[in-house]
């Protein structure tokens, strides 16, 4: 009788461990999907910014000094990012 009760409790313990593992895997899958989606959004946003940078006229920088070139280019990027943030 005692052996039978131990056997049943062991089976119940195995079943609960199985369901805990199943729930953990389900949560892990959901989190993985969410993280992949967020990463794809970040990559898409970054690619959009690169395309905007390609439209930048670098010829106007050829006659400028190093720090002025950086200021002009970064002001251009700030305008793009501000526009993207407004769209969100």
C-alpha atoms as a PDB file:
ATOM      1  CA  UNK A   1       0.000   0.000   0.000  1.00  0.00           C
ATOM      2  CA  UNK A   2       2.792   2.436   0.938  1.00  0.00           C
ATOM      3  CA  UNK A   3       4.667   1.547  -2.248  1.00  0.00           C
ATOM      4  CA  UNK A   4       1.544   2.233  -4.301  1.00  0.00           C
ATOM      5  CA  UNK A   5       1.127   5.690  -2.706  1.00  0.00           C
ATOM      6  CA  UNK A   6       4.796   6.515  -3.349  1.00  0.00           C
ATOM      7  CA  UNK A   7       4.415   5.410  -6.935  1.00  0.00           C
ATOM      8  CA  UNK A   8       1.382   7.655  -7.438  1.00  0.00           C
ATOM      9  CA  UNK A   9       3.083  10.637  -5.801  1.00  0.00           C
ATOM     10  CA  UNK A  10       6.173  10.069  -7.969  1.00  0.00           C
ATOM     11  CA  UNK A  11       4.000   9.983 -11.089  1.00  0.00           C
ATOM     12  CA  UNK A  12       2.244  13.194 -10.027  1.00  0.00           C
ATOM     13  CA  UNK A  13       5.612  14.829  -9.400  1.00  0.00           C
ATOM     14  CA  UNK A  14       6.787  13.795 -12.875  1.00  0.00           C
ATOM     15  CA  UNK A  15       3.601  15.166 -14.438  1.00  0.00           C
ATOM     16  CA  UNK A  16       3.969  18.514 -12.650  1.00  0.00           C
ATOM     17  CA  UNK A  17       7.619  18.719 -13.726  1.00  0.00           C
ATOM     18  CA  UNK A  18       6.524  17.996 -17.293  1.00  0.00           C
ATOM     19  CA  UNK A  19       3.934  20.787 -17.217  1.00  0.00           C
ATOM     20  CA  UNK A  20       6.405  23.211 -15.641  1.00  0.00           C
ATOM     21  CA  UNK A  21       8.869  22.411 -18.429  1.00  0.00           C
ATOM     22  CA  UNK A  22       6.132  22.828 -21.011  1.00  0.00           C
ATOM     23  CA  UNK A  23       5.108  26.225 -19.600  1.00  0.00           C
ATOM     24  CA  UNK A  24       8.753  27.314 -19.466  1.00  0.00           C
ATOM     25  CA  UNK A  25       9.270  26.332 -23.114  1.00  0.00           C
ATOM     26  CA  UNK A  26       6.116  28.174 -24.120  1.00  0.00           C
ATOM     27  CA  UNK A  27       7.271  31.350 -22.350  1.00  0.00           C
ATOM     28  CA  UNK A  28      10.718  31.004 -23.864  1.00  0.00           C
ATOM     29  CA  UNK A  29       9.196  30.666 -27.338  1.00  0.00           C
ATOM     30  CA  UNK A  30       7.015  33.734 -26.827  1.00  0.00           C
ATOM     31  CA  UNK A  31       9.940  35.803 -25.567  1.00  0.00           C
ATOM     32  CA  UNK A  32      12.096  34.626 -28.448  1.00  0.00           C
ATOM     33  CA  UNK A  33       9.441  35.677 -30.964  1.00  0.00           C
ATOM     34  CA  UNK A  34       9.096  39.071 -29.306  1.00  0.00           C
ATOM     35  CA  UNK A  35      12.860  39.628 -29.274  1.00  0.00           C
ATOM     36  CA  UNK A  36      13.178  38.620 -32.930  1.00  0.00           C
ATOM     37  CA  UNK A  37      10.414  41.048 -33.887  1.00  0.00           C
ATOM     38  CA  UNK A  38      12.048  43.889 -31.934  1.00  0.00           C
ATOM     39  CA  UNK A  39      15.420  43.115 -33.498  1.00  0.00           C
ATOM     40  CA  UNK A  40      13.885  43.149 -36.986  1.00  0.00           C
ATOM     41  CA  UNK A  41      12.278  46.525 -36.222  1.00  0.00           C
ATOM     42  CA  UNK A  42      15.635  47.919 -35.083  1.00  0.00           C
ATOM     43  CA  UNK A  43      17.397  46.565 -38.188  1.00  0.00           C
ATOM     44  CA  UNK A  44      14.689  48.003 -40.461  1.00  0.00           C
ATOM     45  CA  UNK A  45      14.944  51.380 -38.740  1.00  0.00           C
ATOM     46  CA  UNK A  46      18.733  51.350 -39.027  1.00  0.00           C
ATOM     47  CA  UNK A  47      18.520  50.450 -42.735  1.00  0.00           C
ATOM     48  CA  UNK A  48      16.122  53.360 -43.288  1.00  0.00           C
ATOM     49  CA  UNK A  49      18.637  55.702 -41.676  1.00  0.00           C
ATOM     50  CA  UNK A  50      21.406  54.364 -43.919  1.00  0.00           C
ATOM     51  CA  UNK A  51      19.242  55.004 -46.985  1.00  0.00           C
ATOM     52  CA  UNK A  52      18.679  58.576 -45.795  1.00  0.00           C
ATOM     53  CA  UNK A  53      22.442  58.980 -45.360  1.00  0.00           C
ATOM     54  CA  UNK A  54      22.983  57.910 -48.958  1.00  0.00           C
ATOM     55  CA  UNK A  55      20.838  60.866 -50.020  1.00  0.00           C
ATOM     56  CA  UNK A  56      23.176  63.209 -48.182  1.00  0.00           C
ATOM     57  CA  UNK A  57      25.244  65.410 -50.467  1.00  0.00           C
ATOM     58  CA  UNK A  58      28.831  64.699 -49.432  1.00  0.00           C
ATOM     59  CA  UNK A  59      30.197  67.098 -52.029  1.00  0.00           C
ATOM     60  CA  UNK A  60      29.478  70.046 -49.735  1.00  0.00           C
ATOM     61  CA  UNK A  61      31.797  68.502 -47.152  1.00  0.00           C
ATOM     62  CA  UNK A  62      34.846  68.341 -49.409  1.00  0.00           C
ATOM     63  CA  UNK A  63      35.830  71.963 -48.799  1.00  0.00           C
ATOM     64  CA  UNK A  64      35.172  71.915 -45.039  1.00  0.00           C
ATOM     65  CA  UNK A  65      37.430  71.026 -42.117  1.00  0.00           C
ATOM     66  CA  UNK A  66      37.118  67.762 -40.140  1.00  0.00           C
ATOM     67  CA  UNK A  67      35.036  69.050 -37.220  1.00  0.00           C
ATOM     68  CA  UNK A  68      32.765  71.090 -39.472  1.00  0.00           C
ATOM     69  CA  UNK A  69      32.149  68.025 -41.608  1.00  0.00           C
ATOM     70  CA  UNK A  70      31.069  66.102 -38.520  1.00  0.00           C
ATOM     71  CA  UNK A  71      28.775  68.919 -37.365  1.00  0.00           C
ATOM     72  CA  UNK A  72      27.047  69.166 -40.745  1.00  0.00           C
ATOM     73  CA  UNK A  73      26.617  65.411 -41.071  1.00  0.00           C
ATOM     74  CA  UNK A  74      25.342  64.919 -37.517  1.00  0.00           C
ATOM     75  CA  UNK A  75      22.886  67.797 -37.844  1.00  0.00           C
ATOM     76  CA  UNK A  76      21.577  66.054 -40.960  1.00  0.00           C
ATOM     77  CA  UNK A  77      21.198  62.786 -38.987  1.00  0.00           C
ATOM     78  CA  UNK A  78      19.413  64.596 -36.143  1.00  0.00           C
ATOM     79  CA  UNK A  79      16.853  65.962 -38.605  1.00  0.00           C
ATOM     80  CA  UNK A  80      16.208  62.452 -39.944  1.00  0.00           C
ATOM     81  CA  UNK A  81      15.882  60.941 -36.455  1.00  0.00           C
ATOM     82  CA  UNK A  82      13.567  63.739 -35.314  1.00  0.00           C
ATOM     83  CA  UNK A  83      11.356  63.109 -38.342  1.00  0.00           C
ATOM     84  CA  UNK A  84      11.339  59.335 -37.652  1.00  0.00           C
ATOM     85  CA  UNK A  85      10.409  59.901 -34.004  1.00  0.00           C
ATOM     86  CA  UNK A  86       7.509  62.162 -35.012  1.00  0.00           C
ATOM     87  CA  UNK A  87       6.213  59.394 -37.300  1.00  0.00           C
ATOM     88  CA  UNK A  88       6.138  56.925 -34.401  1.00  0.00           C
END
